[in-house]
Amino acid sequence: MLTLSIAPLTKASFAPFGEVVETAGATVKPINDGFAHRFDDLARIDVAAEGGSINISLFTGAVRPNPIRIALMERHPLGSQLFMPLNEKPWLVVVCRDPRVPASYRAFSASGRQGVNYARNVWHHPLLVLADESPFLVVDRKGPGDNLEEVRLAESDWLMLAPGAG
């Protein structure tokens, strides 16, 4: 069984799969007479295919048993999908080019101040949190069409995250 090593999440390393959503390095705009700060254009939301519109929701994730097995991958052919943690706790991101090719997988450790915006058609694992009841703001597509494709791996093809994940 292949064990995936986990790399820190950076804009450069994640670029082939989408965008890292974070305020680090973004332009800050003071608003509300200086009592608030605004960070614009942190992600490109792509949901308009086949008459789709933006859906904003809240997900609450639960910790998976250790070691974390990678047995299911999904993608959204009609739109991007953004996950932003609301509790500032680290979490994990697993992506791949092809779920049937183990060498195409990448695993990342995201800080609790980093989100991701998976590009349309990018294979990714469902939410992987390191603290129970972890809330996430999710921005994705709603509307007509089939926007979810899943691949369940045979047990012999499962991957594991490196010990001490996160």
Protein backbone atom coordinates (compact mmCIF):
# COMPACT_ATOMS: atom_id res chain seq x y z
CA MET A 1 0.00 0.00 0.00
CA LEU A 2 1.41 3.39 -1.01
CA THR A 3 1.92 5.98 1.73
CA LEU A 4 1.62 9.61 0.69
CA SER A 5 3.95 12.14 2.22
CA ILE A 6 2.39 15.46 3.17
CA ALA A 7 3.88 18.74 1.96
CA PRO A 8 3.04 22.23 3.20
CA LEU A 9 0.32 23.90 1.13
CA THR A 10 1.71 26.74 -0.99
CA LYS A 11 0.27 28.69 -3.91
CA ALA A 12 3.00 27.38 -6.22
CA SER A 13 2.67 23.70 -5.26
CA PHE A 14 -1.14 23.74 -5.47
CA ALA A 15 -1.40 25.79 -8.71
CA PRO A 16 -1.95 22.75 -11.00
CA PHE A 17 -5.08 21.87 -8.96
CA GLY A 18 -6.61 25.27 -8.21
CA GLU A 19 -5.97 28.16 -5.87
CA VAL A 20 -4.83 28.54 -2.29
CA VAL A 21 -7.17 30.99 -0.58
CA GLU A 22 -5.35 33.09 2.01
CA THR A 23 -4.80 36.69 2.94
CA ALA A 24 -1.01 36.32 3.16
CA GLY A 25 0.45 38.38 0.33
CA ALA A 26 -2.92 39.85 -0.69
CA THR A 27 -3.57 43.55 -1.03
CA VAL A 28 -5.24 44.96 2.08
CA LYS A 29 -7.86 47.67 1.72
CA PRO A 30 -8.99 49.50 4.86
CA ILE A 31 -12.78 49.95 4.96
CA ASN A 32 -15.45 51.09 7.43
CA ASP A 33 -13.49 54.13 8.55
CA GLY A 34 -10.46 51.92 9.22
CA PHE A 35 -12.25 49.50 11.56
CA ALA A 36 -12.12 46.62 9.08
CA HIS A 37 -9.85 45.31 6.33
CA ARG A 38 -10.90 43.92 2.97
CA PHE A 39 -8.95 41.38 0.89
CA ASP A 40 -10.37 41.21 -2.66
CA ASP A 41 -10.01 38.62 -5.42
CA LEU A 42 -8.79 35.73 -3.28
CA ALA A 43 -10.29 33.12 -5.65
CA ARG A 44 -11.97 32.77 -9.02
CA ILE A 45 -15.35 31.10 -8.56
CA ASP A 46 -16.23 29.09 -11.68
CA VAL A 47 -19.86 27.89 -11.55
CA ALA A 48 -21.70 29.28 -14.59
CA ALA A 49 -21.50 26.17 -16.82
CA GLU A 50 -24.90 24.85 -17.90
CA GLY A 51 -26.80 27.57 -16.03
CA GLY A 52 -25.21 27.03 -12.62
CA SER A 53 -25.14 29.61 -9.85
CA ILE A 54 -23.18 30.15 -6.65
CA ASN A 55 -24.07 28.10 -3.59
CA ILE A 56 -22.66 29.18 -0.22
CA SER A 57 -22.90 26.59 2.52
CA LEU A 58 -21.37 25.50 5.80
CA PHE A 59 -19.80 22.05 6.18
CA THR A 60 -18.81 20.54 9.52
CA GLY A 61 -16.12 17.87 9.28
CA ALA A 62 -15.28 14.97 11.57
CA VAL A 63 -11.86 13.39 12.12
CA ARG A 64 -11.26 10.15 10.22
CA PRO A 65 -9.58 7.14 11.86
CA ASN A 66 -5.77 7.04 11.78
CA PRO A 67 -4.07 6.10 9.59
CA ILE A 68 -6.15 8.06 7.11
CA ARG A 69 -6.92 5.93 4.08
CA ILE A 70 -7.55 7.39 0.66
CA ALA A 71 -10.27 5.21 -0.85
CA LEU A 72 -12.57 7.73 -2.58
CA MET A 73 -11.84 10.62 -4.91
CA GLU A 74 -14.30 13.07 -6.43
CA ARG A 75 -14.39 15.91 -8.93
CA HIS A 76 -16.86 18.51 -10.11
CA PRO A 77 -16.98 18.84 -13.91
CA LEU A 78 -19.25 21.91 -13.96
CA GLY A 79 -17.62 24.16 -11.39
CA SER A 80 -14.95 24.98 -8.87
CA GLN A 81 -15.33 24.20 -5.17
CA LEU A 82 -13.88 26.41 -2.44
CA PHE A 83 -13.25 25.31 1.17
CA MET A 84 -12.27 27.87 3.82
CA PRO A 85 -11.81 26.77 7.45
CA LEU A 86 -13.58 28.88 10.07
CA ASN A 87 -11.80 27.55 13.18
CA GLU A 88 -8.15 28.26 12.25
CA LYS A 89 -7.23 24.60 12.76
CA PRO A 90 -4.88 22.78 10.34
CA TRP A 91 -6.45 20.37 7.86
CA LEU A 92 -5.37 18.15 4.96
CA VAL A 93 -5.83 18.34 1.20
CA VAL A 94 -5.38 15.38 -1.17
CA VAL A 95 -5.54 15.80 -4.96
CA CYS A 96 -4.52 13.80 -8.01
CA ARG A 97 -4.42 13.95 -11.79
CA ASP A 98 -5.92 10.45 -12.19
CA PRO A 99 -7.40 8.44 -9.30
CA ARG A 100 -6.20 5.19 -10.90
CA VAL A 101 -2.54 6.34 -11.00
CA PRO A 102 -0.99 6.34 -7.51
CA ALA A 103 2.01 8.42 -8.65
CA SER A 104 -0.34 11.30 -9.58
CA TYR A 105 -1.47 11.91 -5.97
CA ARG A 106 -0.31 14.87 -3.85
CA ALA A 107 -1.09 15.55 -0.19
CA PHE A 108 -0.83 18.93 1.51
CA SER A 109 -1.07 20.25 5.05
CA ALA A 110 -3.09 23.48 5.14
CA SER A 111 -2.92 25.91 8.01
CA GLY A 112 -6.17 26.96 9.61
CA ARG A 113 -5.82 30.27 7.76
CA GLN A 114 -5.60 28.66 4.32
CA GLY A 115 -8.44 27.50 2.13
CA VAL A 116 -8.43 25.91 -1.30
CA ASN A 117 -10.47 26.49 -4.41
CA TYR A 118 -10.39 23.24 -6.39
CA ALA A 119 -10.50 24.05 -10.11
CA ARG A 120 -13.22 22.51 -12.23
CA ASN A 121 -12.53 18.80 -12.94
CA VAL A 122 -9.76 18.45 -10.33
CA TRP A 123 -9.83 15.12 -8.51
CA HIS A 124 -9.77 15.63 -4.74
CA HIS A 125 -10.52 13.71 -1.58
CA PRO A 126 -13.57 14.78 0.46
CA LEU A 127 -12.92 17.04 3.44
CA LEU A 128 -10.08 15.86 5.72
CA VAL A 129 -10.06 17.63 9.08
CA LEU A 130 -7.75 17.12 12.06
CA ALA A 131 -10.20 18.39 14.72
CA ASP A 132 -13.79 17.20 15.21
CA GLU A 133 -16.61 19.59 14.41
CA SER A 134 -14.38 21.66 12.12
CA PRO A 135 -16.54 24.23 10.31
CA PHE A 136 -15.83 25.28 6.72
CA LEU A 137 -17.38 27.90 4.50
CA VAL A 138 -17.94 26.24 1.11
CA VAL A 139 -18.58 28.05 -2.15
CA ASP A 140 -19.55 25.82 -5.04
CA ARG A 141 -22.09 25.30 -7.82
CA LYS A 142 -25.80 24.62 -7.67
CA GLY A 143 -28.13 24.18 -10.59
CA PRO A 144 -28.91 21.80 -13.44
CA GLY A 145 -26.50 19.13 -14.64
CA ASP A 146 -24.48 16.43 -12.93
CA ASN A 147 -21.63 18.14 -11.08
CA LEU A 148 -20.26 15.20 -9.08
CA GLU A 149 -18.16 12.30 -10.28
CA GLU A 150 -16.76 9.80 -7.77
CA VAL A 151 -14.21 7.00 -8.01
CA ARG A 152 -14.08 4.42 -5.22
CA LEU A 153 -10.76 2.63 -5.17
CA ALA A 154 -10.50 -1.11 -4.68
CA GLU A 155 -9.03 -1.94 -1.25
CA SER A 156 -5.82 -3.11 -2.94
CA ASP A 157 -5.45 0.42 -4.44
CA TRP A 158 -6.03 2.43 -1.26
CA LEU A 159 -3.38 4.94 -0.29
CA MET A 160 -2.50 5.97 3.25
CA LEU A 161 -1.38 9.32 4.53
CA ALA A 162 2.02 9.37 6.18
CA PRO A 163 2.03 8.54 9.90
CA GLY A 164 1.42 11.58 12.07
CA ALA A 165 -0.58 13.24 9.28
CA GLY A 166 -1.01 16.89 9.95
